[in-house]
Amino acid sequence: MTETTADRDNYVQPATSWVRNQLDAIDEAGGDSSAAKVQGRDVVVVTVIGAKSGRPRRVPLMRVEHDGRYLAVASHGGAPTHPQWTASIRKNPDQVSVLDGTTETAMTSRELSGQEREIWWERGVAAFPSYADYQTKTERLIPIFLLEPR
């Protein structure tokens, strides 16, 4: 899916400047998500449909991929609340896409629990060790979502 600047005008704009800056870098690179990094590590852009607005919301997240599936970690940097996109992915699990590099894939999402959550949490921490620190900063269990191709 190729989008234009006009298409992006319909998106819910990120509230924080560092997220806007990441998305701007990706847009300036022609939609290549590898143009933005966090702590030297690649990100992907997850697009969800807003739970309240019904509009698309782009969220740069750490790249945690295994066998064509991706992990979306709702860490919010260890804040006491979930990131805003968590409500959207819960409400609209079949309206998700992942931009990895320049490849965008339609996905479905499901929240993980139990042993499957443990396996994917370990993969997430291996890809981005700060997740372990974020979990120690908050009393909430950080939700994680498995994104699988439709």
C-alpha atoms as a PDB file:
ATOM      1  CA  MET A   1       0.000   0.000   0.000  1.00  0.00           C
ATOM      2  CA  THR A   2       1.500   3.282  -1.092  1.00  0.00           C
ATOM      3  CA  GLU A   3       0.302   6.330   0.736  1.00  0.00           C
ATOM      4  CA  THR A   4       0.568  10.001  -0.099  1.00  0.00           C
ATOM      5  CA  THR A   5       0.956  13.000   2.174  1.00  0.00           C
ATOM      6  CA  ALA A   6      -2.789  13.596   1.751  1.00  0.00           C
ATOM      7  CA  ASP A   7      -3.446  10.037   2.986  1.00  0.00           C
ATOM      8  CA  ARG A   8      -1.319  10.701   6.065  1.00  0.00           C
ATOM      9  CA  ASP A   9      -3.393  13.789   6.864  1.00  0.00           C
ATOM     10  CA  ASN A  10      -6.215  11.432   7.892  1.00  0.00           C
ATOM     11  CA  TYR A  11      -4.014   9.727  10.484  1.00  0.00           C
ATOM     12  CA  VAL A  12      -4.257  10.542  14.167  1.00  0.00           C
ATOM     13  CA  GLN A  13      -1.106  12.530  14.794  1.00  0.00           C
ATOM     14  CA  PRO A  14       1.196  11.388  17.618  1.00  0.00           C
ATOM     15  CA  ALA A  15       1.031  13.434  20.796  1.00  0.00           C
ATOM     16  CA  THR A  16       4.758  13.313  21.515  1.00  0.00           C
ATOM     17  CA  SER A  17       7.425  15.042  19.450  1.00  0.00           C
ATOM     18  CA  TRP A  18       9.892  12.133  19.485  1.00  0.00           C
ATOM     19  CA  VAL A  19       7.276   9.829  17.921  1.00  0.00           C
ATOM     20  CA  ARG A  20       6.442  12.500  15.314  1.00  0.00           C
ATOM     21  CA  ASN A  21      10.168  12.830  14.585  1.00  0.00           C
ATOM     22  CA  GLN A  22      10.512   9.057  14.078  1.00  0.00           C
ATOM     23  CA  LEU A  23       7.552   8.984  11.694  1.00  0.00           C
ATOM     24  CA  ASP A  24       8.866  12.064   9.844  1.00  0.00           C
ATOM     25  CA  ALA A  25      12.231  10.321   9.342  1.00  0.00           C
ATOM     26  CA  ILE A  26      10.445   7.271   7.964  1.00  0.00           C
ATOM     27  CA  ASP A  27       8.292   9.408   5.657  1.00  0.00           C
ATOM     28  CA  GLU A  28      11.359  11.337   4.430  1.00  0.00           C
ATOM     29  CA  ALA A  29      13.028   7.995   3.631  1.00  0.00           C
ATOM     30  CA  GLY A  30      10.171   7.111   1.315  1.00  0.00           C
ATOM     31  CA  GLY A  31       8.265   5.050   3.854  1.00  0.00           C
ATOM     32  CA  ASP A  32      11.234   2.921   4.915  1.00  0.00           C
ATOM     33  CA  SER A  33      10.801   2.075   8.615  1.00  0.00           C
ATOM     34  CA  SER A  34      14.488   1.186   8.914  1.00  0.00           C
ATOM     35  CA  ALA A  35      15.189   4.941   8.682  1.00  0.00           C
ATOM     36  CA  ALA A  36      14.272   5.287  12.353  1.00  0.00           C
ATOM     37  CA  LYS A  37      16.067   3.518  15.164  1.00  0.00           C
ATOM     38  CA  VAL A  38      15.825   3.438  18.953  1.00  0.00           C
ATOM     39  CA  GLN A  39      19.043   2.738  20.830  1.00  0.00           C
ATOM     40  CA  GLY A  40      20.530   1.655  17.488  1.00  0.00           C
ATOM     41  CA  ARG A  41      17.800  -0.923  16.888  1.00  0.00           C
ATOM     42  CA  ASP A  42      15.263  -1.071  14.063  1.00  0.00           C
ATOM     43  CA  VAL A  43      11.626  -0.180  14.448  1.00  0.00           C
ATOM     44  CA  VAL A  44       8.543  -1.190  12.506  1.00  0.00           C
ATOM     45  CA  VAL A  45       5.479   0.953  12.060  1.00  0.00           C
ATOM     46  CA  VAL A  46       2.269  -0.622  13.261  1.00  0.00           C
ATOM     47  CA  THR A  47      -0.917   0.947  11.953  1.00  0.00           C
ATOM     48  CA  VAL A  48      -4.114   0.446  13.947  1.00  0.00           C
ATOM     49  CA  ILE A  49      -7.583   1.913  13.654  1.00  0.00           C
ATOM     50  CA  GLY A  50      -8.361   4.245  16.546  1.00  0.00           C
ATOM     51  CA  ALA A  51     -10.767   2.858  19.136  1.00  0.00           C
ATOM     52  CA  LYS A  52     -12.555   6.193  19.463  1.00  0.00           C
ATOM     53  CA  SER A  53     -11.701   8.130  16.309  1.00  0.00           C
ATOM     54  CA  GLY A  54     -12.014   5.300  13.783  1.00  0.00           C
ATOM     55  CA  ARG A  55      -9.000   6.864  12.052  1.00  0.00           C
ATOM     56  CA  PRO A  56      -5.665   5.186  11.390  1.00  0.00           C
ATOM     57  CA  ARG A  57      -2.904   5.685  13.936  1.00  0.00           C
ATOM     58  CA  ARG A  58       0.746   4.920  13.100  1.00  0.00           C
ATOM     59  CA  VAL A  59       2.906   3.702  15.946  1.00  0.00           C
ATOM     60  CA  PRO A  60       6.661   3.086  15.648  1.00  0.00           C
ATOM     61  CA  LEU A  61       7.521   0.034  17.764  1.00  0.00           C
ATOM     62  CA  MET A  62      10.658  -1.995  18.275  1.00  0.00           C
ATOM     63  CA  ARG A  63      11.181  -4.647  15.603  1.00  0.00           C
ATOM     64  CA  VAL A  64      10.534  -8.026  17.227  1.00  0.00           C
ATOM     65  CA  GLU A  65       9.977 -10.544  14.428  1.00  0.00           C
ATOM     66  CA  HIS A  66       9.950 -14.343  14.402  1.00  0.00           C
ATOM     67  CA  ASP A  67       8.864 -16.476  11.433  1.00  0.00           C
ATOM     68  CA  GLY A  68       6.954 -13.612   9.793  1.00  0.00           C
ATOM     69  CA  ARG A  69       5.083 -12.706  12.963  1.00  0.00           C
ATOM     70  CA  TYR A  70       5.678  -9.575  15.009  1.00  0.00           C
ATOM     71  CA  LEU A  71       5.369  -8.594  18.636  1.00  0.00           C
ATOM     72  CA  ALA A  72       3.764  -5.306  19.684  1.00  0.00           C
ATOM     73  CA  VAL A  73       4.850  -4.452  23.236  1.00  0.00           C
ATOM     74  CA  ALA A  74       2.660  -1.909  25.039  1.00  0.00           C
ATOM     75  CA  SER A  75       5.505  -0.841  27.333  1.00  0.00           C
ATOM     76  CA  HIS A  76       4.929   2.935  27.327  1.00  0.00           C
ATOM     77  CA  GLY A  77       8.465   3.135  28.702  1.00  0.00           C
ATOM     78  CA  GLY A  78       7.329   1.577  31.978  1.00  0.00           C
ATOM     79  CA  ALA A  79       4.676   4.229  32.628  1.00  0.00           C
ATOM     80  CA  PRO A  80       1.794   3.291  34.945  1.00  0.00           C
ATOM     81  CA  THR A  81      -0.702   3.445  32.053  1.00  0.00           C
ATOM     82  CA  HIS A  82      -0.939   1.649  28.718  1.00  0.00           C
ATOM     83  CA  PRO A  83      -0.056   3.556  25.557  1.00  0.00           C
ATOM     84  CA  GLN A  84      -3.078   4.957  23.716  1.00  0.00           C
ATOM     85  CA  TRP A  85      -2.769   2.481  20.855  1.00  0.00           C
ATOM     86  CA  THR A  86      -3.484  -0.448  23.237  1.00  0.00           C
ATOM     87  CA  ALA A  87      -7.230   0.293  23.264  1.00  0.00           C
ATOM     88  CA  SER A  88      -7.201   0.517  19.470  1.00  0.00           C
ATOM     89  CA  ILE A  89      -5.486  -2.811  18.871  1.00  0.00           C
ATOM     90  CA  ARG A  90      -7.817  -4.485  21.366  1.00  0.00           C
ATOM     91  CA  LYS A  91     -10.922  -3.041  19.709  1.00  0.00           C
ATOM     92  CA  ASN A  92      -9.810  -3.545  16.099  1.00  0.00           C
ATOM     93  CA  PRO A  93      -7.538  -6.622  16.082  1.00  0.00           C
ATOM     94  CA  ASP A  94      -8.300  -7.422  12.434  1.00  0.00           C
ATOM     95  CA  GLN A  95      -7.389  -3.938  11.188  1.00  0.00           C
ATOM     96  CA  VAL A  96      -3.654  -3.886  11.804  1.00  0.00           C
ATOM     97  CA  SER A  97      -0.701  -3.582   9.453  1.00  0.00           C
ATOM     98  CA  VAL A  98       3.054  -3.707   9.928  1.00  0.00           C
ATOM     99  CA  LEU A  99       5.561  -1.726   7.881  1.00  0.00           C
ATOM    100  CA  ASP A 100       8.931  -3.489   8.129  1.00  0.00           C
ATOM    101  CA  GLY A 101      11.499  -1.667   6.030  1.00  0.00           C
ATOM    102  CA  THR A 102       9.470  -0.874   2.916  1.00  0.00           C
ATOM    103  CA  THR A 103       7.192  -3.922   3.105  1.00  0.00           C
ATOM    104  CA  GLU A 104       3.726  -3.444   4.573  1.00  0.00           C
ATOM    105  CA  THR A 105       1.706  -6.500   5.589  1.00  0.00           C
ATOM    106  CA  ALA A 106      -1.919  -6.743   6.706  1.00  0.00           C
ATOM    107  CA  MET A 107      -2.082  -8.437  10.096  1.00  0.00           C
ATOM    108  CA  THR A 108      -4.415  -9.653  12.774  1.00  0.00           C
ATOM    109  CA  SER A 109      -3.599  -9.196  16.429  1.00  0.00           C
ATOM    110  CA  ARG A 110      -4.202 -11.092  19.614  1.00  0.00           C
ATOM    111  CA  GLU A 111      -3.108 -10.392  23.153  1.00  0.00           C
ATOM    112  CA  LEU A 112      -0.834 -13.051  24.590  1.00  0.00           C
ATOM    113  CA  SER A 113      -0.990 -14.787  27.955  1.00  0.00           C
ATOM    114  CA  GLY A 114       0.462 -17.827  29.674  1.00  0.00           C
ATOM    115  CA  GLN A 115       3.381 -19.780  28.250  1.00  0.00           C
ATOM    116  CA  GLU A 116       3.006 -18.245  24.797  1.00  0.00           C
ATOM    117  CA  ARG A 117       3.363 -14.802  26.388  1.00  0.00           C
ATOM    118  CA  GLU A 118       6.498 -15.906  28.235  1.00  0.00           C
ATOM    119  CA  ILE A 119       8.119 -17.166  25.019  1.00  0.00           C
ATOM    120  CA  TRP A 120       7.337 -13.969  23.130  1.00  0.00           C
ATOM    121  CA  TRP A 121       8.287 -11.745  26.085  1.00  0.00           C
ATOM    122  CA  GLU A 122      11.739 -13.369  26.062  1.00  0.00           C
ATOM    123  CA  ARG A 123      12.000 -12.681  22.326  1.00  0.00           C
ATOM    124  CA  GLY A 124      10.998  -9.077  22.943  1.00  0.00           C
ATOM    125  CA  VAL A 125      13.586  -8.584  25.680  1.00  0.00           C
ATOM    126  CA  ALA A 126      16.256 -10.221  23.488  1.00  0.00           C
ATOM    127  CA  ALA A 127      15.444  -7.765  20.689  1.00  0.00           C
ATOM    128  CA  PHE A 128      15.172  -4.749  23.018  1.00  0.00           C
ATOM    129  CA  PRO A 129      16.614  -5.334  26.523  1.00  0.00           C
ATOM    130  CA  SER A 130      15.051  -2.122  27.873  1.00  0.00           C
ATOM    131  CA  TYR A 131      11.684  -3.914  27.982  1.00  0.00           C
ATOM    132  CA  ALA A 132      12.861  -5.816  31.075  1.00  0.00           C
ATOM    133  CA  ASP A 133      13.689  -2.494  32.775  1.00  0.00           C
ATOM    134  CA  TYR A 134      10.337  -1.029  31.766  1.00  0.00           C
ATOM    135  CA  GLN A 135       8.506  -3.930  33.421  1.00  0.00           C
ATOM    136  CA  THR A 136      10.328  -3.279  36.713  1.00  0.00           C
ATOM    137  CA  LYS A 137       9.236   0.396  36.607  1.00  0.00           C
ATOM    138  CA  THR A 138       5.509  -0.361  36.586  1.00  0.00           C
ATOM    139  CA  GLU A 139       3.084  -2.427  38.625  1.00  0.00           C
ATOM    140  CA  ARG A 140       0.992  -3.281  35.553  1.00  0.00           C
ATOM    141  CA  LEU A 141       1.772  -6.345  33.488  1.00  0.00           C
ATOM    142  CA  ILE A 142       2.873  -4.910  30.161  1.00  0.00           C
ATOM    143  CA  PRO A 143       0.454  -6.176  27.497  1.00  0.00           C
ATOM    144  CA  ILE A 144       1.971  -7.818  24.456  1.00  0.00           C
ATOM    145  CA  PHE A 145       0.241  -8.591  21.178  1.00  0.00           C
ATOM    146  CA  LEU A 146       1.159 -11.089  18.502  1.00  0.00           C
ATOM    147  CA  LEU A 147       0.661  -9.750  14.988  1.00  0.00           C
ATOM    148  CA  GLU A 148       0.186 -12.450  12.376  1.00  0.00           C
ATOM    149  CA  PRO A 149      -0.334 -12.116   8.607  1.00  0.00           C
ATOM    150  CA  ARG A 150      -3.980 -12.208   7.522  1.00  0.00           C
END
